[in-house]
All heavy atoms as atom14 arrays in JSON, in Angstrom:
{
  "sequence": "VTFKTEGEFLSAVDKKAASRERKAAEAARTEILSKLGVESVDDLDSL",
  "atom14_mask": [
    [1, 1, 1, 1, 1, 1, 1, 0, 0, 0, 0, 0, 0, 0],
    [1, 1, 1, 1, 1, 1, 1, 0, 0, 0, 0, 0, 0, 0],
    [1, 1, 1, 1, 1, 1, 1, 1, 1, 1, 1, 0, 0, 0],
    [1, 1, 1, 1, 1, 1, 1, 1, 1, 0, 0, 0, 0, 0],
    [1, 1, 1, 1, 1, 1, 1, 0, 0, 0, 0, 0, 0, 0],
    [1, 1, 1, 1, 1, 1, 1, 1, 1, 0, 0, 0, 0, 0],
    [1, 1, 1, 1, 0, 0, 0, 0, 0, 0, 0, 0, 0, 0],
    [1, 1, 1, 1, 1, 1, 1, 1, 1, 0, 0, 0, 0, 0],
    [1, 1, 1, 1, 1, 1, 1, 1, 1, 1, 1, 0, 0, 0],
    [1, 1, 1, 1, 1, 1, 1, 1, 0, 0, 0, 0, 0, 0],
    [1, 1, 1, 1, 1, 1, 0, 0, 0, 0, 0, 0, 0, 0],
    [1, 1, 1, 1, 1, 0, 0, 0, 0, 0, 0, 0, 0, 0],
    [1, 1, 1, 1, 1, 1, 1, 0, 0, 0, 0, 0, 0, 0],
    [1, 1, 1, 1, 1, 1, 1, 1, 0, 0, 0, 0, 0, 0],
    [1, 1, 1, 1, 1, 1, 1, 1, 1, 0, 0, 0, 0, 0],
    [1, 1, 1, 1, 1, 1, 1, 1, 1, 0, 0, 0, 0, 0],
    [1, 1, 1, 1, 1, 0, 0, 0, 0, 0, 0, 0, 0, 0],
    [1, 1, 1, 1, 1, 0, 0, 0, 0, 0, 0, 0, 0, 0],
    [1, 1, 1, 1, 1, 1, 0, 0, 0, 0, 0, 0, 0, 0],
    [1, 1, 1, 1, 1, 1, 1, 1, 1, 1, 1, 0, 0, 0],
    [1, 1, 1, 1, 1, 1, 1, 1, 1, 0, 0, 0, 0, 0],
    [1, 1, 1, 1, 1, 1, 1, 1, 1, 1, 1, 0, 0, 0],
    [1, 1, 1, 1, 1, 1, 1, 1, 1, 0, 0, 0, 0, 0],
    [1, 1, 1, 1, 1, 0, 0, 0, 0, 0, 0, 0, 0, 0],
    [1, 1, 1, 1, 1, 0, 0, 0, 0, 0, 0, 0, 0, 0],
    [1, 1, 1, 1, 1, 1, 1, 1, 1, 0, 0, 0, 0, 0],
    [1, 1, 1, 1, 1, 0, 0, 0, 0, 0, 0, 0, 0, 0],
    [1, 1, 1, 1, 1, 0, 0, 0, 0, 0, 0, 0, 0, 0],
    [1, 1, 1, 1, 1, 1, 1, 1, 1, 1, 1, 0, 0, 0],
    [1, 1, 1, 1, 1, 1, 1, 0, 0, 0, 0, 0, 0, 0],
    [1, 1, 1, 1, 1, 1, 1, 1, 1, 0, 0, 0, 0, 0],
    [1, 1, 1, 1, 1, 1, 1, 1, 0, 0, 0, 0, 0, 0],
    [1, 1, 1, 1, 1, 1, 1, 1, 0, 0, 0, 0, 0, 0],
    [1, 1, 1, 1, 1, 1, 0, 0, 0, 0, 0, 0, 0, 0],
    [1, 1, 1, 1, 1, 1, 1, 1, 1, 0, 0, 0, 0, 0],
    [1, 1, 1, 1, 1, 1, 1, 1, 0, 0, 0, 0, 0, 0],
    [1, 1, 1, 1, 0, 0, 0, 0, 0, 0, 0, 0, 0, 0],
    [1, 1, 1, 1, 1, 1, 1, 0, 0, 0, 0, 0, 0, 0],
    [1, 1, 1, 1, 1, 1, 1, 1, 1, 0, 0, 0, 0, 0],
    [1, 1, 1, 1, 1, 1, 0, 0, 0, 0, 0, 0, 0, 0],
    [1, 1, 1, 1, 1, 1, 1, 0, 0, 0, 0, 0, 0, 0],
    [1, 1, 1, 1, 1, 1, 1, 1, 0, 0, 0, 0, 0, 0],
    [1, 1, 1, 1, 1, 1, 1, 1, 0, 0, 0, 0, 0, 0],
    [1, 1, 1, 1, 1, 1, 1, 1, 0, 0, 0, 0, 0, 0],
    [1, 1, 1, 1, 1, 1, 1, 1, 0, 0, 0, 0, 0, 0],
    [1, 1, 1, 1, 1, 1, 0, 0, 0, 0, 0, 0, 0, 0],
    [1, 1, 1, 1, 1, 1, 1, 1, 0, 0, 0, 0, 0, 0]
  ],
  "atom14_positions": [
    [[20.66, 10.24, 6.36], [20.24, 10.79, 5.05], [20.2, 12.23, 5.16], [19.57, 12.83, 6.09], [18.9, 10.11, 4.66], [18.45, 10.72, 3.33], [18.94, 8.62, 4.65], [0.0, 0.0, 0.0], [0.0, 0.0, 0.0], [0.0, 0.0, 0.0], [0.0, 0.0, 0.0], [0.0, 0.0, 0.0], [0.0, 0.0, 0.0], [0.0, 0.0, 0.0]],
    [[20.74, 12.93, 4.19], [20.75, 14.4, 4.17], [20.05, 14.85, 2.89], [20.09, 14.15, 1.9], [22.15, 14.99, 4.28], [22.9, 14.51, 3.2], [22.81, 14.64, 5.62], [0.0, 0.0, 0.0], [0.0, 0.0, 0.0], [0.0, 0.0, 0.0], [0.0, 0.0, 0.0], [0.0, 0.0, 0.0], [0.0, 0.0, 0.0], [0.0, 0.0, 0.0]],
    [[19.45, 16.03, 2.97], [18.79, 16.6, 1.78], [19.32, 17.96, 1.6], [19.62, 18.7, 2.46], [17.3, 16.65, 2.08], [16.62, 15.32, 2.37], [16.44, 14.85, 3.69], [16.3, 14.49, 1.33], [15.87, 13.64, 3.88], [15.75, 13.28, 1.56], [15.5, 12.87, 2.86], [0.0, 0.0, 0.0], [0.0, 0.0, 0.0], [0.0, 0.0, 0.0]],
    [[19.49, 18.31, 0.33], [20.06, 19.62, -0.02], [19.1, 20.7, 0.14], [19.43, 21.82, 0.5], [20.55, 19.56, -1.52], [21.73, 18.64, -1.75], [22.14, 18.69, -3.18], [23.25, 17.65, -3.36], [23.67, 17.54, -4.77], [0.0, 0.0, 0.0], [0.0, 0.0, 0.0], [0.0, 0.0, 0.0], [0.0, 0.0, 0.0], [0.0, 0.0, 0.0]],
    [[17.76, 20.41, -0.1], [16.76, 21.45, 0.11], [15.59, 20.9, 0.83], [15.44, 19.71, 1.0], [16.23, 21.91, -1.31], [15.56, 20.83, -1.92], [17.37, 22.41, -2.2], [0.0, 0.0, 0.0], [0.0, 0.0, 0.0], [0.0, 0.0, 0.0], [0.0, 0.0, 0.0], [0.0, 0.0, 0.0], [0.0, 0.0, 0.0], [0.0, 0.0, 0.0]],
    [[14.76, 21.84, 1.31], [13.52, 21.43, 2.01], [12.63, 20.68, 1.02], [11.89, 19.75, 1.42], [12.85, 22.66, 2.57], [11.6, 22.32, 3.37], [10.97, 23.53, 4.0], [11.54, 24.66, 3.98], [9.87, 23.35, 4.53], [0.0, 0.0, 0.0], [0.0, 0.0, 0.0], [0.0, 0.0, 0.0], [0.0, 0.0, 0.0], [0.0, 0.0, 0.0]],
    [[12.58, 21.11, -0.22], [11.79, 20.49, -1.24], [12.15, 19.03, -1.46], [11.23, 18.18, -1.52], [0.0, 0.0, 0.0], [0.0, 0.0, 0.0], [0.0, 0.0, 0.0], [0.0, 0.0, 0.0], [0.0, 0.0, 0.0], [0.0, 0.0, 0.0], [0.0, 0.0, 0.0], [0.0, 0.0, 0.0], [0.0, 0.0, 0.0], [0.0, 0.0, 0.0]],
    [[13.46, 18.71, -1.46], [13.84, 17.28, -1.53], [13.38, 16.53, -0.33], [12.93, 15.37, -0.42], [15.37, 17.2, -1.6], [15.95, 17.61, -2.92], [17.49, 17.44, -2.95], [18.07, 16.96, -1.92], [18.07, 17.77, -3.96], [0.0, 0.0, 0.0], [0.0, 0.0, 0.0], [0.0, 0.0, 0.0], [0.0, 0.0, 0.0], [0.0, 0.0, 0.0]],
    [[13.49, 17.14, 0.84], [13.02, 16.5, 2.11], [11.52, 16.15, 2.03], [11.05, 15.03, 2.24], [13.33, 17.32, 3.3], [12.68, 16.82, 4.58], [13.19, 15.66, 5.21], [11.6, 17.46, 5.07], [12.66, 15.2, 6.32], [11.02, 16.98, 6.26], [11.53, 15.88, 6.94], [0.0, 0.0, 0.0], [0.0, 0.0, 0.0], [0.0, 0.0, 0.0]],
    [[10.73, 17.19, 1.59], [9.31, 17.02, 1.53], [8.88, 15.94, 0.49], [7.93, 15.15, 0.72], [8.59, 18.37, 1.25], [8.71, 19.41, 2.38], [8.11, 20.71, 1.89], [8.05, 18.9, 3.65], [0.0, 0.0, 0.0], [0.0, 0.0, 0.0], [0.0, 0.0, 0.0], [0.0, 0.0, 0.0], [0.0, 0.0, 0.0], [0.0, 0.0, 0.0]],
    [[9.63, 15.97, -0.57], [9.36, 14.94, -1.65], [9.58, 13.58, -1.1], [8.87, 12.65, -1.36], [10.21, 15.29, -2.87], [10.04, 14.25, -3.83], [0.0, 0.0, 0.0], [0.0, 0.0, 0.0], [0.0, 0.0, 0.0], [0.0, 0.0, 0.0], [0.0, 0.0, 0.0], [0.0, 0.0, 0.0], [0.0, 0.0, 0.0], [0.0, 0.0, 0.0]],
    [[10.71, 13.39, -0.33], [11.04, 12.12, 0.26], [9.96, 11.67, 1.27], [9.6, 10.51, 1.33], [12.39, 12.1, 0.86], [0.0, 0.0, 0.0], [0.0, 0.0, 0.0], [0.0, 0.0, 0.0], [0.0, 0.0, 0.0], [0.0, 0.0, 0.0], [0.0, 0.0, 0.0], [0.0, 0.0, 0.0], [0.0, 0.0, 0.0], [0.0, 0.0, 0.0]],
    [[9.54, 12.62, 2.02], [8.43, 12.37, 3.01], [7.19, 11.86, 2.31], [6.51, 10.93, 2.72], [8.19, 13.59, 3.9], [6.94, 13.37, 4.73], [9.39, 13.89, 4.83], [0.0, 0.0, 0.0], [0.0, 0.0, 0.0], [0.0, 0.0, 0.0], [0.0, 0.0, 0.0], [0.0, 0.0, 0.0], [0.0, 0.0, 0.0], [0.0, 0.0, 0.0]],
    [[6.8, 12.63, 1.21], [5.6, 12.24, 0.47], [5.73, 10.82, -0.12], [4.76, 10.05, -0.04], [5.33, 13.22, -0.63], [4.85, 14.6, -0.12], [4.42, 14.61, 1.02], [4.91, 15.56, -0.88], [0.0, 0.0, 0.0], [0.0, 0.0, 0.0], [0.0, 0.0, 0.0], [0.0, 0.0, 0.0], [0.0, 0.0, 0.0], [0.0, 0.0, 0.0]],
    [[6.88, 10.51, -0.63], [7.08, 9.17, -1.2], [6.96, 8.07, -0.14], [6.37, 7.04, -0.36], [8.48, 9.09, -1.92], [8.53, 9.81, -3.22], [9.92, 9.68, -3.81], [10.03, 10.5, -5.12], [11.38, 10.45, -5.67], [0.0, 0.0, 0.0], [0.0, 0.0, 0.0], [0.0, 0.0, 0.0], [0.0, 0.0, 0.0], [0.0, 0.0, 0.0]],
    [[7.55, 8.38, 1.02], [7.57, 7.38, 2.15], [6.02, 7.21, 2.61], [5.6, 6.09, 2.84], [8.45, 7.83, 3.25], [8.63, 6.87, 4.33], [9.51, 5.75, 3.87], [9.88, 4.9, 5.08], [10.76, 3.79, 4.73], [0.0, 0.0, 0.0], [0.0, 0.0, 0.0], [0.0, 0.0, 0.0], [0.0, 0.0, 0.0], [0.0, 0.0, 0.0]],
    [[5.35, 8.28, 2.73], [3.95, 8.23, 3.2], [3.1, 7.48, 2.14], [2.28, 6.63, 2.52], [3.44, 9.63, 3.41], [0.0, 0.0, 0.0], [0.0, 0.0, 0.0], [0.0, 0.0, 0.0], [0.0, 0.0, 0.0], [0.0, 0.0, 0.0], [0.0, 0.0, 0.0], [0.0, 0.0, 0.0], [0.0, 0.0, 0.0], [0.0, 0.0, 0.0]],
    [[3.35, 7.72, 0.84], [2.54, 7.04, -0.21], [2.84, 5.55, -0.15], [1.95, 4.7, -0.27], [2.84, 7.66, -1.5], [0.0, 0.0, 0.0], [0.0, 0.0, 0.0], [0.0, 0.0, 0.0], [0.0, 0.0, 0.0], [0.0, 0.0, 0.0], [0.0, 0.0, 0.0], [0.0, 0.0, 0.0], [0.0, 0.0, 0.0], [0.0, 0.0, 0.0]],
    [[4.08, 5.17, 0.04], [4.45, 3.79, 0.17], [3.77, 3.19, 1.41], [3.21, 2.04, 1.26], [5.95, 3.69, 0.29], [6.36, 2.41, 0.58], [0.0, 0.0, 0.0], [0.0, 0.0, 0.0], [0.0, 0.0, 0.0], [0.0, 0.0, 0.0], [0.0, 0.0, 0.0], [0.0, 0.0, 0.0], [0.0, 0.0, 0.0], [0.0, 0.0, 0.0]],
    [[3.75, 3.81, 2.49], [3.11, 3.2, 3.65], [1.6, 3.11, 3.46], [0.96, 2.12, 3.88], [3.46, 4.05, 4.86], [4.87, 3.86, 5.36], [5.17, 4.55, 6.6], [6.52, 4.34, 7.03], [7.18, 4.98, 7.92], [6.58, 6.02, 8.5], [8.43, 4.68, 8.22], [0.0, 0.0, 0.0], [0.0, 0.0, 0.0], [0.0, 0.0, 0.0]],
    [[1.01, 4.1, 2.75], [-0.43, 4.09, 2.52], [-0.79, 2.93, 1.62], [-1.8, 2.24, 1.79], [-0.91, 5.4, 1.91], [-0.93, 6.54, 2.86], [-1.3, 7.9, 2.2], [-1.61, 7.93, 1.01], [-1.2, 8.93, 2.89], [0.0, 0.0, 0.0], [0.0, 0.0, 0.0], [0.0, 0.0, 0.0], [0.0, 0.0, 0.0], [0.0, 0.0, 0.0]],
    [[0.08, 2.7, 0.57], [-0.18, 1.58, -0.35], [-0.1, 0.3, 0.43], [-0.9, -0.58, 0.19], [0.84, 1.63, -1.47], [0.47, 2.37, -2.72], [1.36, 2.12, -3.95], [2.82, 2.12, -3.58], [3.54, 3.3, -3.59], [2.95, 4.4, -3.86], [4.79, 3.24, -3.35], [0.0, 0.0, 0.0], [0.0, 0.0, 0.0], [0.0, 0.0, 0.0]],
    [[0.94, 0.11, 1.28], [1.11, -1.09, 1.99], [-0.07, -1.36, 2.93], [-0.58, -2.46, 3.03], [2.38, -1.1, 2.74], [3.65, -1.22, 1.86], [4.93, -1.11, 2.73], [6.1, -1.21, 1.78], [7.43, -1.04, 2.51], [0.0, 0.0, 0.0], [0.0, 0.0, 0.0], [0.0, 0.0, 0.0], [0.0, 0.0, 0.0], [0.0, 0.0, 0.0]],
    [[-0.55, -0.29, 3.54], [-1.71, -0.4, 4.51], [-2.98, -0.8, 3.76], [-3.72, -1.61, 4.17], [-1.93, 0.88, 5.26], [0.0, 0.0, 0.0], [0.0, 0.0, 0.0], [0.0, 0.0, 0.0], [0.0, 0.0, 0.0], [0.0, 0.0, 0.0], [0.0, 0.0, 0.0], [0.0, 0.0, 0.0], [0.0, 0.0, 0.0], [0.0, 0.0, 0.0]],
    [[-3.18, -0.14, 2.54], [-4.35, -0.47, 1.72], [-4.26, -1.91, 1.24], [-5.29, -2.59, 1.22], [-4.43, 0.55, 0.57], [0.0, 0.0, 0.0], [0.0, 0.0, 0.0], [0.0, 0.0, 0.0], [0.0, 0.0, 0.0], [0.0, 0.0, 0.0], [0.0, 0.0, 0.0], [0.0, 0.0, 0.0], [0.0, 0.0, 0.0], [0.0, 0.0, 0.0]],
    [[-3.11, -2.33, 0.83], [-2.89, -3.7, 0.37], [-3.18, -4.71, 1.47], [-3.86, -5.73, 1.33], [-1.54, -3.93, -0.16], [-1.32, -5.24, -0.81], [0.02, -5.39, -1.46], [0.57, -4.4, -2.02], [0.57, -6.53, -1.43], [0.0, 0.0, 0.0], [0.0, 0.0, 0.0], [0.0, 0.0, 0.0], [0.0, 0.0, 0.0], [0.0, 0.0, 0.0]],
    [[-2.69, -4.35, 2.71], [-2.91, -5.27, 3.82], [-4.45, -5.36, 4.14], [-4.98, -6.41, 4.41], [-2.17, -4.83, 5.04], [0.0, 0.0, 0.0], [0.0, 0.0, 0.0], [0.0, 0.0, 0.0], [0.0, 0.0, 0.0], [0.0, 0.0, 0.0], [0.0, 0.0, 0.0], [0.0, 0.0, 0.0], [0.0, 0.0, 0.0], [0.0, 0.0, 0.0]],
    [[-5.12, -4.21, 4.1], [-6.55, -4.2, 4.39], [-7.35, -4.96, 3.32], [-8.22, -5.75, 3.66], [-7.1, -2.72, 4.44], [0.0, 0.0, 0.0], [0.0, 0.0, 0.0], [0.0, 0.0, 0.0], [0.0, 0.0, 0.0], [0.0, 0.0, 0.0], [0.0, 0.0, 0.0], [0.0, 0.0, 0.0], [0.0, 0.0, 0.0], [0.0, 0.0, 0.0]],
    [[-6.99, -4.81, 2.05], [-7.58, -5.51, 0.98], [-7.37, -7.04, 1.18], [-8.3, -7.8, 0.99], [-7.01, -5.0, -0.37], [-7.7, -5.52, -1.59], [-7.28, -4.88, -2.9], [-5.88, -4.54, -2.9], [-5.33, -3.31, -2.84], [-6.12, -2.27, -2.71], [-4.03, -3.09, -2.93], [0.0, 0.0, 0.0], [0.0, 0.0, 0.0], [0.0, 0.0, 0.0]],
    [[-6.15, -7.4, 1.5], [-5.86, -8.8, 1.65], [-6.67, -9.41, 2.84], [-7.19, -10.49, 2.71], [-4.35, -9.0, 1.92], [-3.64, -8.5, 0.81], [-4.0, -10.45, 2.14], [0.0, 0.0, 0.0], [0.0, 0.0, 0.0], [0.0, 0.0, 0.0], [0.0, 0.0, 0.0], [0.0, 0.0, 0.0], [0.0, 0.0, 0.0], [0.0, 0.0, 0.0]],
    [[-6.8, -8.68, 3.89], [-7.58, -9.1, 5.1], [-9.0, -9.28, 4.68], [-9.66, -10.33, 5.04], [-7.46, -8.1, 6.19], [-8.23, -8.52, 7.44], [-8.09, -7.52, 8.53], [-7.33, -6.56, 8.52], [-8.85, -7.73, 9.53], [0.0, 0.0, 0.0], [0.0, 0.0, 0.0], [0.0, 0.0, 0.0], [0.0, 0.0, 0.0], [0.0, 0.0, 0.0]],
    [[-9.59, -8.34, 3.99], [-11.04, -8.4, 3.58], [-11.26, -9.6, 2.65], [-12.19, -10.34, 2.84], [-11.52, -7.07, 2.9], [-11.55, -6.0, 3.94], [-12.81, -7.28, 2.17], [-11.72, -4.59, 3.39], [0.0, 0.0, 0.0], [0.0, 0.0, 0.0], [0.0, 0.0, 0.0], [0.0, 0.0, 0.0], [0.0, 0.0, 0.0], [0.0, 0.0, 0.0]],
    [[-10.34, -9.75, 1.64], [-10.49, -10.85, 0.74], [-10.35, -12.19, 1.41], [-11.07, -13.15, 1.1], [-9.47, -10.73, -0.42], [-9.73, -9.56, -1.34], [-8.55, -9.5, -2.41], [-11.05, -9.73, -2.13], [0.0, 0.0, 0.0], [0.0, 0.0, 0.0], [0.0, 0.0, 0.0], [0.0, 0.0, 0.0], [0.0, 0.0, 0.0], [0.0, 0.0, 0.0]],
    [[-9.49, -12.29, 2.37], [-9.33, -13.58, 3.09], [-10.53, -13.89, 3.93], [-10.96, -15.02, 4.08], [-8.03, -13.59, 4.01], [-8.2, -12.69, 5.03], [0.0, 0.0, 0.0], [0.0, 0.0, 0.0], [0.0, 0.0, 0.0], [0.0, 0.0, 0.0], [0.0, 0.0, 0.0], [0.0, 0.0, 0.0], [0.0, 0.0, 0.0], [0.0, 0.0, 0.0]],
    [[-11.18, -12.83, 4.44], [-12.45, -13.05, 5.21], [-13.54, -13.55, 4.28], [-14.5, -14.21, 4.74], [-12.92, -11.77, 5.92], [-12.03, -11.51, 7.11], [-12.49, -10.17, 7.87], [-11.62, -9.93, 9.03], [-12.03, -8.68, 9.72], [0.0, 0.0, 0.0], [0.0, 0.0, 0.0], [0.0, 0.0, 0.0], [0.0, 0.0, 0.0], [0.0, 0.0, 0.0]],
    [[-13.54, -13.17, 3.02], [-14.44, -13.57, 2.06], [-14.08, -14.95, 1.46], [-14.91, -15.46, 0.67], [-14.54, -12.57, 0.91], [-15.22, -11.17, 1.23], [-14.97, -10.19, 0.09], [-16.63, -11.33, 1.63], [0.0, 0.0, 0.0], [0.0, 0.0, 0.0], [0.0, 0.0, 0.0], [0.0, 0.0, 0.0], [0.0, 0.0, 0.0], [0.0, 0.0, 0.0]],
    [[-13.01, -15.48, 1.86], [-12.54, -16.74, 1.36], [-11.85, -16.74, 0.0], [-11.77, -17.74, -0.65], [0.0, 0.0, 0.0], [0.0, 0.0, 0.0], [0.0, 0.0, 0.0], [0.0, 0.0, 0.0], [0.0, 0.0, 0.0], [0.0, 0.0, 0.0], [0.0, 0.0, 0.0], [0.0, 0.0, 0.0], [0.0, 0.0, 0.0], [0.0, 0.0, 0.0]],
    [[-11.39, -15.51, -0.35], [-10.69, -15.3, -1.65], [-9.25, -15.56, -1.43], [-8.59, -14.76, -0.73], [-11.02, -13.94, -2.27], [-10.23, -13.75, -3.51], [-12.5, -13.81, -2.45], [0.0, 0.0, 0.0], [0.0, 0.0, 0.0], [0.0, 0.0, 0.0], [0.0, 0.0, 0.0], [0.0, 0.0, 0.0], [0.0, 0.0, 0.0], [0.0, 0.0, 0.0]],
    [[-8.69, -16.59, -2.03], [-7.31, -16.91, -1.9], [-6.52, -16.7, -3.19], [-5.34, -16.61, -3.15], [-7.07, -18.34, -1.33], [-7.77, -18.6, 0.0], [-7.17, -17.85, 1.12], [-5.91, -17.55, 1.04], [-7.87, -17.47, 2.07], [0.0, 0.0, 0.0], [0.0, 0.0, 0.0], [0.0, 0.0, 0.0], [0.0, 0.0, 0.0], [0.0, 0.0, 0.0]],
    [[-7.24, -16.69, -4.32], [-6.56, -16.59, -5.54], [-7.41, -15.8, -6.55], [-8.56, -15.35, -6.23], [-6.29, -17.95, -6.24], [-7.57, -18.56, -6.55], [0.0, 0.0, 0.0], [0.0, 0.0, 0.0], [0.0, 0.0, 0.0], [0.0, 0.0, 0.0], [0.0, 0.0, 0.0], [0.0, 0.0, 0.0], [0.0, 0.0, 0.0], [0.0, 0.0, 0.0]],
    [[-6.84, -15.56, -7.7], [-7.59, -14.73, -8.73], [-8.85, -15.52, -9.18], [-9.86, -14.93, -9.44], [-6.63, -14.47, -9.92], [-7.37, -13.77, -11.03], [-5.47, -13.56, -9.53], [0.0, 0.0, 0.0], [0.0, 0.0, 0.0], [0.0, 0.0, 0.0], [0.0, 0.0, 0.0], [0.0, 0.0, 0.0], [0.0, 0.0, 0.0], [0.0, 0.0, 0.0]],
    [[-8.68, -16.82, -9.22], [-9.85, -17.64, -9.69], [-11.02, -17.48, -8.63], [-12.18, -17.42, -9.02], [-9.5, -19.1, -9.79], [-8.58, -19.36, -10.97], [-8.54, -18.53, -11.92], [-7.82, -20.36, -10.96], [0.0, 0.0, 0.0], [0.0, 0.0, 0.0], [0.0, 0.0, 0.0], [0.0, 0.0, 0.0], [0.0, 0.0, 0.0], [0.0, 0.0, 0.0]],
    [[-10.64, -17.41, -7.36], [-11.68, -17.25, -6.3], [-12.31, -15.93, -6.45], [-13.54, -15.72, -6.29], [-11.06, -17.33, -4.88], [-10.56, -18.72, -4.54], [-11.01, -19.69, -5.28], [-9.77, -18.86, -3.66], [0.0, 0.0, 0.0], [0.0, 0.0, 0.0], [0.0, 0.0, 0.0], [0.0, 0.0, 0.0], [0.0, 0.0, 0.0], [0.0, 0.0, 0.0]],
    [[-11.49, -14.9, -6.8], [-12.04, -13.49, -6.98], [-12.97, -13.47, -8.16], [-14.08, -12.87, -8.15], [-10.88, -12.5, -7.07], [-11.24, -11.04, -7.17], [-12.02, -10.65, -5.9], [-10.0, -10.19, -7.34], [0.0, 0.0, 0.0], [0.0, 0.0, 0.0], [0.0, 0.0, 0.0], [0.0, 0.0, 0.0], [0.0, 0.0, 0.0], [0.0, 0.0, 0.0]],
    [[-12.55, -14.13, -9.26], [-13.42, -14.21, -10.46], [-14.75, -14.87, -10.12], [-15.83, -14.4, -10.55], [-12.71, -14.88, -11.62], [-11.55, -14.12, -12.21], [-11.49, -12.88, -11.99], [-10.7, -14.7, -12.84], [0.0, 0.0, 0.0], [0.0, 0.0, 0.0], [0.0, 0.0, 0.0], [0.0, 0.0, 0.0], [0.0, 0.0, 0.0], [0.0, 0.0, 0.0]],
    [[-14.7, -15.94, -9.39], [-15.9, -16.68, -9.0], [-16.78, -15.79, -8.17], [-18.02, -15.77, -8.36], [-15.5, -17.92, -8.26], [-16.66, -18.55, -7.72], [0.0, 0.0, 0.0], [0.0, 0.0, 0.0], [0.0, 0.0, 0.0], [0.0, 0.0, 0.0], [0.0, 0.0, 0.0], [0.0, 0.0, 0.0], [0.0, 0.0, 0.0], [0.0, 0.0, 0.0]],
    [[-16.19, -15.05, -7.19], [-16.94, -14.21, -6.31], [-17.65, -13.09, -7.2], [-18.77, -12.74, -6.97], [-16.07, -13.6, -5.23], [-16.72, -12.62, -4.28], [-17.86, -13.3, -3.47], [-15.74, -11.97, -3.4], [0.0, 0.0, 0.0], [0.0, 0.0, 0.0], [0.0, 0.0, 0.0], [0.0, 0.0, 0.0], [0.0, 0.0, 0.0], [0.0, 0.0, 0.0]]
  ]
}
């Protein structure tokens, strides 16, 4: 992958980092909810 400018490169890096942060946050949230016994939206509403 090549970038025409440093700005394009930094933008791509930011997008990739944001994507990884979202995935990590989602994984952490899923782990916490599973520890609480929440498997579905109904379980979350009940909690």
